[in-house]
Protein backbone atom coordinates (compact mmCIF):
# COMPACT_ATOMS: atom_id res chain seq x y z
CA UNK A 1 -18.46 -27.14 -8.17
CA UNK A 2 -19.08 -23.39 -7.83
CA UNK A 3 -18.51 -21.49 -4.58
CA UNK A 4 -20.13 -18.16 -5.46
CA UNK A 5 -22.86 -17.13 -7.89
CA UNK A 6 -23.78 -13.55 -8.74
CA UNK A 7 -26.92 -12.33 -10.49
CA UNK A 8 -26.56 -9.10 -12.44
CA UNK A 9 -26.02 -7.37 -15.74
CA UNK A 10 -22.56 -7.36 -17.29
CA UNK A 11 -21.94 -4.32 -19.48
CA UNK A 12 -19.16 -3.28 -21.82
CA UNK A 13 -17.36 -0.29 -20.29
CA UNK A 14 -15.79 2.32 -22.56
CA UNK A 15 -12.94 4.15 -20.81
CA UNK A 16 -11.41 7.34 -22.34
CA UNK A 17 -8.46 7.10 -19.94
CA UNK A 18 -7.39 10.52 -18.70
CA UNK A 19 -9.64 12.28 -21.23
CA UNK A 20 -13.31 13.14 -21.51
CA UNK A 21 -16.07 11.11 -23.14
CA UNK A 22 -17.17 14.11 -25.18
CA UNK A 23 -13.75 14.57 -26.82
CA UNK A 24 -12.48 10.97 -26.94
CA UNK A 25 -11.17 9.42 -30.15
CA UNK A 26 -10.20 6.09 -28.63
CA UNK A 27 -11.53 4.05 -25.71
CA UNK A 28 -10.21 1.08 -23.79
CA UNK A 29 -12.87 -1.53 -23.09
CA UNK A 30 -13.51 -3.50 -19.92
CA UNK A 31 -16.37 -5.60 -18.65
CA UNK A 32 -18.20 -4.52 -15.53
CA UNK A 33 -21.37 -4.61 -13.49
CA UNK A 34 -22.01 -4.13 -9.78
CA UNK A 35 -22.96 -7.70 -8.97
CA UNK A 36 -20.58 -9.32 -11.47
CA UNK A 37 -17.61 -7.32 -10.16
CA UNK A 38 -18.03 -9.02 -6.78
CA UNK A 39 -17.90 -12.52 -8.28
CA UNK A 40 -14.98 -11.54 -10.47
CA UNK A 41 -13.00 -10.22 -7.50
CA UNK A 42 -13.75 -13.36 -5.50
CA UNK A 43 -12.48 -15.50 -8.39
CA UNK A 44 -9.50 -13.52 -9.61
CA UNK A 45 -8.08 -12.18 -6.37
CA UNK A 46 -9.31 -14.60 -3.73
CA UNK A 47 -9.43 -17.87 -5.68
CA UNK A 48 -13.07 -18.84 -5.13
CA UNK A 49 -14.84 -20.57 -8.01
CA UNK A 50 -17.44 -18.12 -9.28
CA UNK A 51 -20.19 -17.92 -11.89
CA UNK A 52 -22.49 -15.17 -13.13
CA UNK A 53 -26.15 -15.43 -14.04
CA UNK A 54 -27.00 -12.82 -16.65
CA UNK A 55 -28.36 -12.45 -20.18
CA UNK A 56 -26.64 -11.20 -23.31
CA UNK A 57 -27.74 -10.65 -26.88
CA UNK A 58 -25.96 -13.21 -29.04
CA UNK A 59 -23.91 -10.97 -31.31
CA UNK A 60 -20.29 -9.84 -31.57
CA UNK A 61 -20.64 -7.37 -28.68
CA UNK A 62 -22.17 -10.02 -26.45
CA UNK A 63 -19.40 -12.44 -27.35
CA UNK A 64 -16.82 -9.76 -26.52
CA UNK A 65 -18.37 -9.39 -23.07
CA UNK A 66 -18.28 -13.18 -22.71
CA UNK A 67 -14.60 -13.25 -23.68
CA UNK A 68 -13.77 -10.60 -21.08
CA UNK A 69 -15.70 -12.53 -18.42
CA UNK A 70 -13.79 -15.69 -19.36
CA UNK A 71 -10.48 -13.82 -19.05
CA UNK A 72 -11.55 -12.97 -15.50
CA UNK A 73 -11.98 -16.67 -14.72
CA UNK A 74 -15.73 -16.44 -14.07
CA UNK A 75 -17.89 -19.35 -15.27
CA UNK A 76 -20.14 -18.31 -18.18
CA UNK A 77 -22.24 -21.47 -18.37
CA UNK A 78 -25.21 -19.79 -16.69
CA UNK A 79 -25.41 -16.92 -19.18
CA UNK A 80 -28.77 -16.82 -20.97
CA UNK A 81 -28.19 -16.03 -24.67
CA UNK A 82 -30.92 -14.08 -26.45
CA UNK A 83 -31.32 -14.15 -30.24
CA UNK A 84 -30.05 -10.96 -31.86
CA UNK A 85 -32.36 -9.29 -34.39
CA UNK A 86 -29.53 -7.38 -36.05
CA UNK A 87 -30.22 -3.88 -34.69
CA UNK A 88 -31.11 -4.37 -31.03
CA UNK A 89 -34.81 -3.71 -31.46
CA UNK A 90 -35.88 -6.57 -29.20
CA UNK A 91 -32.79 -7.03 -27.01
CA UNK A 92 -29.32 -5.58 -26.84
CA UNK A 93 -26.19 -5.47 -24.70
CA UNK A 94 -25.55 -2.71 -22.18
CA UNK A 95 -22.82 -0.11 -22.67
CA UNK A 96 -21.28 2.10 -19.99
CA UNK A 97 -19.10 5.12 -20.74
CA UNK A 98 -17.10 6.17 -17.67
CA UNK A 99 -14.69 9.04 -16.97
CA UNK A 100 -12.39 8.55 -14.01
CA UNK A 101 -12.42 12.21 -12.98
CA UNK A 102 -9.51 14.25 -11.69
CA UNK A 103 -9.16 16.80 -8.87
CA UNK A 104 -12.31 18.89 -8.66
CA UNK A 105 -13.87 17.01 -11.61
CA UNK A 106 -15.61 13.93 -10.27
CA UNK A 107 -16.02 10.59 -12.00
CA UNK A 108 -18.83 10.52 -14.57
CA UNK A 109 -20.83 7.57 -15.87
CA UNK A 110 -23.08 7.63 -18.92
CA UNK A 111 -24.87 4.32 -19.31
CA UNK A 112 -26.69 3.08 -22.41
CA UNK A 113 -28.58 0.09 -21.10
CA UNK A 114 -32.29 0.38 -21.86
CA UNK A 115 -34.01 -2.74 -23.29
CA UNK A 116 -30.98 -4.95 -22.65
CA UNK A 117 -31.21 -8.72 -22.57
CA UNK A 118 -30.54 -8.75 -18.82
CA UNK A 119 -33.28 -6.20 -18.12
CA UNK A 120 -35.78 -8.50 -19.82
CA UNK A 121 -35.16 -11.48 -17.56
CA UNK A 122 -38.39 -12.66 -15.95
CA UNK A 123 -39.38 -14.88 -13.07
CA UNK A 124 -39.25 -18.50 -14.26
CA UNK A 125 -36.51 -17.94 -16.86
CA UNK A 126 -33.86 -19.54 -14.61
CA UNK A 127 -34.17 -22.90 -12.87
CA UNK A 128 -32.78 -21.73 -9.54
CA UNK A 129 -33.20 -25.07 -7.83
CA UNK A 130 -30.88 -26.58 -10.44
CA UNK A 131 -28.44 -23.66 -10.06
CA UNK A 132 -28.16 -24.10 -6.29
CA UNK A 133 -28.23 -27.89 -6.21
CA UNK A 134 -24.49 -28.34 -6.78
CA UNK A 135 -22.99 -27.19 -3.51
CA UNK A 136 -22.98 -23.41 -4.05
CA UNK A 137 -21.93 -21.64 -0.85
CA UNK A 138 -22.76 -17.98 -1.52
CA UNK A 139 -25.20 -15.99 -3.69
CA UNK A 140 -24.90 -12.26 -4.34
CA UNK A 141 -27.12 -9.75 -6.08
CA UNK A 142 -28.04 -6.11 -5.65
CA UNK A 143 -30.10 -3.06 -6.33
CA UNK A 144 -28.56 -2.33 -9.71
CA UNK A 145 -29.92 -5.55 -11.17
CA UNK A 146 -33.21 -5.12 -9.30
CA UNK A 147 -33.57 -1.62 -10.75
CA UNK A 148 -33.10 -2.58 -14.40
CA UNK A 149 -36.81 -3.11 -15.10
CA UNK A 150 -40.16 -3.96 -13.58
CA UNK A 151 -39.37 -7.68 -13.93
CA UNK A 152 -35.84 -7.94 -12.56
CA UNK A 153 -36.82 -7.28 -8.95
CA UNK A 154 -39.04 -10.39 -9.18
CA UNK A 155 -36.12 -12.39 -10.60
CA UNK A 156 -33.87 -11.30 -7.73
CA UNK A 157 -36.59 -12.14 -5.20
CA UNK A 158 -37.08 -15.59 -6.74
CA UNK A 159 -33.33 -16.26 -6.78
CA UNK A 160 -32.73 -15.15 -3.20
CA UNK A 161 -35.64 -17.23 -1.90
CA UNK A 162 -34.32 -20.30 -3.75
CA UNK A 163 -30.83 -19.75 -2.37
CA UNK A 164 -32.22 -19.64 1.16
CA UNK A 165 -34.14 -22.89 0.56
CA UNK A 166 -30.88 -24.56 -0.41
CA UNK A 167 -28.99 -23.26 2.62
CA UNK A 168 -26.85 -20.86 0.57
CA UNK A 169 -25.63 -17.69 2.28
CA UNK A 170 -27.19 -14.66 0.57
CA UNK A 171 -25.78 -11.14 0.26
CA UNK A 172 -27.40 -8.01 -1.14
CA UNK A 173 -26.06 -4.55 -1.98
CA UNK A 174 -28.69 -1.78 -2.33
CA UNK A 175 -26.36 0.14 -4.70
CA UNK A 176 -28.90 2.84 -5.65
CA UNK A 177 -28.61 4.35 -9.14
CA UNK A 178 -31.06 7.27 -9.63
CA UNK A 179 -30.94 6.89 -13.43
CA UNK A 180 -32.41 3.38 -13.22
CA UNK A 181 -35.45 4.55 -11.27
CA UNK A 182 -36.15 7.83 -13.07
CA UNK A 183 -39.72 7.79 -14.34
CA UNK A 184 -40.39 4.52 -12.47
CA UNK A 185 -41.19 5.77 -8.99
CA UNK A 186 -37.76 7.17 -8.16
CA UNK A 187 -36.13 6.74 -4.78
CA UNK A 188 -39.35 5.70 -3.04
CA UNK A 189 -39.83 2.70 -5.31
CA UNK A 190 -36.15 1.80 -5.08
CA UNK A 191 -36.47 1.80 -1.29
CA UNK A 192 -39.47 -0.51 -1.52
CA UNK A 193 -37.52 -2.95 -3.71
CA UNK A 194 -34.47 -2.81 -1.43
CA UNK A 195 -36.44 -3.64 1.69
CA UNK A 196 -38.27 -6.46 -0.08
CA UNK A 197 -35.00 -8.04 -1.20
CA UNK A 198 -32.73 -7.23 1.76
CA UNK A 199 -35.04 -9.20 4.05
CA UNK A 200 -33.84 -12.35 2.24
CA UNK A 201 -30.18 -11.48 2.89
CA UNK A 202 -27.84 -12.83 5.53
CA UNK A 203 -25.30 -10.12 4.68
CA UNK A 204 -26.12 -6.61 3.48
CA UNK A 205 -23.19 -4.76 1.91
CA UNK A 206 -23.60 -1.02 1.45
CA UNK A 207 -26.05 -1.14 4.33
CA UNK A 208 -26.03 2.65 4.77
CA UNK A 209 -28.05 2.73 1.56
CA UNK A 210 -30.99 1.59 3.70
CA UNK A 211 -30.56 4.34 6.30
CA UNK A 212 -32.92 7.29 6.23
CA UNK A 213 -36.29 7.49 4.56
CA UNK A 214 -35.13 6.85 1.00
CA UNK A 215 -31.91 5.96 -0.89
CA UNK A 216 -29.50 8.85 -1.12
CA UNK A 217 -31.54 10.98 1.29
CA UNK A 218 -28.80 11.39 3.87
CA UNK A 219 -25.05 11.89 3.82
CA UNK A 220 -23.61 10.61 7.06
CA UNK A 221 -20.55 11.81 8.92
CA UNK A 222 -18.33 9.04 10.26
CA UNK A 223 -19.53 9.52 13.84
CA UNK A 224 -23.13 8.96 12.68
CA UNK A 225 -22.44 5.53 11.16
CA UNK A 226 -23.04 3.43 14.32
CA UNK A 227 -26.51 4.84 14.87
CA UNK A 228 -27.33 4.48 11.17
CA UNK A 229 -26.31 0.81 11.14
CA UNK A 230 -28.37 0.24 14.29
CA UNK A 231 -31.41 1.72 12.53
CA UNK A 232 -30.89 -0.61 9.56
CA UNK A 233 -30.53 -3.58 11.92
CA UNK A 234 -33.95 -2.73 13.34
CA UNK A 235 -35.40 -2.90 9.80
CA UNK A 236 -33.72 -6.25 9.07
CA UNK A 237 -33.91 -8.41 12.20
CA UNK A 238 -32.79 -11.51 10.29
CA UNK A 239 -29.52 -10.02 9.02
CA UNK A 240 -26.33 -11.61 10.31
CA UNK A 241 -23.94 -8.88 9.05
CA UNK A 242 -24.45 -5.29 7.95
CA UNK A 243 -21.41 -3.69 6.35
CA UNK A 244 -20.52 -0.44 4.65
CA UNK A 245 -17.65 1.52 3.24
CA UNK A 246 -16.98 4.92 4.82
CA UNK A 247 -15.65 7.43 2.30
CA UNK A 248 -14.91 11.14 2.27
CA UNK A 249 -14.03 12.69 -1.09
CA UNK A 250 -11.73 15.73 -0.80
CA UNK A 251 -11.07 15.31 -4.54
CA UNK A 252 -11.57 12.73 -7.29
CA UNK A 253 -7.95 11.67 -6.85
CA UNK A 254 -7.75 11.58 -3.06
CA UNK A 255 -10.29 9.81 -0.85
CA UNK A 256 -10.39 9.07 2.87
CA UNK A 257 -11.34 5.39 2.96
CA UNK A 258 -12.51 3.10 5.74
CA UNK A 259 -15.36 0.74 6.63
CA UNK A 260 -17.67 -0.41 9.37
CA UNK A 261 -19.91 -3.39 10.13
CA UNK A 262 -22.41 -4.65 12.64
CA UNK A 263 -23.50 -8.12 13.66
CA UNK A 264 -25.64 -9.37 16.55
CA UNK A 265 -22.61 -11.18 17.96
CA UNK A 266 -20.05 -8.37 17.76
CA UNK A 267 -22.02 -5.15 17.71
CA UNK A 268 -20.25 -2.34 15.85
CA UNK A 269 -16.83 -3.10 14.32
CA UNK A 270 -14.66 -0.64 12.38
CA UNK A 271 -12.23 -1.39 9.57
CA UNK A 272 -8.76 -0.01 8.84
CA UNK A 273 -8.54 3.73 8.20
CA UNK A 274 -6.82 4.84 5.01
CA UNK A 275 -6.82 8.64 4.95
CA UNK A 276 -5.54 10.44 1.86
CA UNK A 277 -5.80 7.35 -0.37
CA UNK A 278 -4.70 8.22 -3.90
CA UNK A 279 -7.25 7.12 -6.48
CA UNK A 280 -6.73 6.29 -10.14
CA UNK A 281 -10.25 4.96 -10.83
CA UNK A 282 -12.81 4.64 -8.04
CA UNK A 283 -15.43 2.73 -10.06
CA UNK A 284 -15.85 -0.77 -8.66
CA UNK A 285 -14.21 -0.07 -5.30
CA UNK A 286 -17.40 -0.78 -3.38
CA UNK A 287 -17.71 -4.08 -5.21
CA UNK A 288 -14.08 -4.79 -4.35
CA UNK A 289 -14.91 -4.13 -0.71
CA UNK A 290 -17.82 -6.58 -0.94
CA UNK A 291 -15.60 -9.26 -2.47
CA UNK A 292 -13.00 -8.96 0.27
CA UNK A 293 -15.62 -8.98 3.00
CA UNK A 294 -17.30 -12.06 1.53
CA UNK A 295 -13.94 -13.81 1.21
CA UNK A 296 -13.31 -13.26 4.90
CA UNK A 297 -16.74 -14.52 5.88
CA UNK A 298 -16.48 -17.53 3.55
CA UNK A 299 -13.17 -18.54 5.08
CA UNK A 300 -14.39 -18.20 8.65
CA UNK A 301 -12.34 -15.22 9.79
CA UNK A 302 -13.55 -12.74 12.37
CA UNK A 303 -15.77 -9.89 11.19
CA UNK A 304 -12.94 -7.47 11.93
CA UNK A 305 -10.58 -9.45 9.69
CA UNK A 306 -13.23 -9.72 6.95
CA UNK A 307 -13.63 -5.92 7.08
CA UNK A 308 -9.88 -5.55 6.72
CA UNK A 309 -9.90 -7.76 3.62
CA UNK A 310 -12.73 -5.72 2.15
CA UNK A 311 -11.14 -2.36 2.92
CA UNK A 312 -7.75 -3.36 1.54
CA UNK A 313 -9.17 -4.95 -1.60
CA UNK A 314 -11.44 -1.98 -2.30
CA UNK A 315 -8.46 0.35 -1.88
CA UNK A 316 -6.35 -1.66 -4.34
CA UNK A 317 -9.21 -1.69 -6.88
CA UNK A 318 -8.98 2.13 -6.89
CA UNK A 319 -5.32 1.98 -7.95
CA UNK A 320 -5.99 0.39 -11.35
CA UNK A 321 -8.24 1.30 -14.30
CA UNK A 322 -11.54 -0.42 -15.04
CA UNK A 323 -14.31 -1.77 -12.83
CA UNK A 324 -12.68 -5.07 -11.99
CA UNK A 325 -9.97 -6.09 -9.55
CA UNK A 326 -6.37 -6.50 -10.69
CA UNK A 327 -5.14 -7.15 -7.14
CA UNK A 328 -3.61 -10.36 -5.85
CA UNK A 329 -4.32 -12.02 -2.55
CA UNK A 330 -0.72 -11.48 -1.44
CA UNK A 331 -1.10 -7.73 -2.11
CA UNK A 332 -4.31 -7.62 -0.10
CA UNK A 333 -2.78 -9.50 2.81
CA UNK A 334 0.31 -7.30 2.73
CA UNK A 335 -1.84 -4.17 2.85
CA UNK A 336 -3.86 -5.60 5.73
CA UNK A 337 -0.54 -6.19 7.49
CA UNK A 338 0.49 -2.57 6.94
CA UNK A 339 2.65 -2.64 3.81
CA UNK A 340 3.69 0.59 2.06
CA UNK A 341 4.06 1.65 -1.56
CA UNK A 342 7.82 1.16 -1.65
CA UNK A 343 9.24 -0.49 -4.75
CA UNK A 344 9.39 -4.30 -4.58
CA UNK A 345 12.21 -5.95 -6.55
């Protein structure tokens, strides 16, 4: 039985370590993808049984991605395998080159993901009623998957509606990527897709992505967050929880990190404050936050406690390389309880 299912593309990440993509001679590889990272964190750190719905071209690169997913403990049985034509003319696997950044040089991502197998998923390709018939408790997807192509937003819509029919809790992360929408309507079309999909969601993570007139249109100071979440709540009257990270970026290696959430029952709730957090690799920290938050909500904790899990887990994700979590539940709980970075022997 699976607790959590995520729908999204899983890419192969190429990491030049402390160097630059343009001068690299070697790369370390990881798997990663906004929606997948959430399921992976829920499985590896928090112990929930998780699966990913995605598509991969059936070649050596696709099988490497599968092997990395398996190492993360995520069920691969729902992967849709697409026949490889030998050169990726009809379908291919996504690649993501990512620099971590340092000091005044911010993190940099260069994705190579056009015409991927996942981007070609269409409504009707997945039997969602069969997927959700086995006692699944939570379904997660987001704006990265929805933005892959003109068909993936329909797939996400179909999946979320099916999850709701089966009584599965649904979460959505707007997670706007300008590169995915360039030449396809830009931020305005992304906003349209987000509102269409977020109305299916019980929980919206990254809810500040829906504030303002379009994604990325506003940068909010911390004191503006309550009003922004209230404006999003007015757009989504069916939402049970709206949550967001709150981040200031003095440099690539030092972030001020916190979180906030709103629910009809609690009103505005704030998470732990972690000023001056030292960052090794910030990619995936928002997904780590989502995983911790979902863990708290799945296990019936208070919203404040769920926010603490999310904030702590997202912070720990930033201390290790790669998109995915290397944290343990005991580390998360210790950080929530106020642990320090002293040596443990």
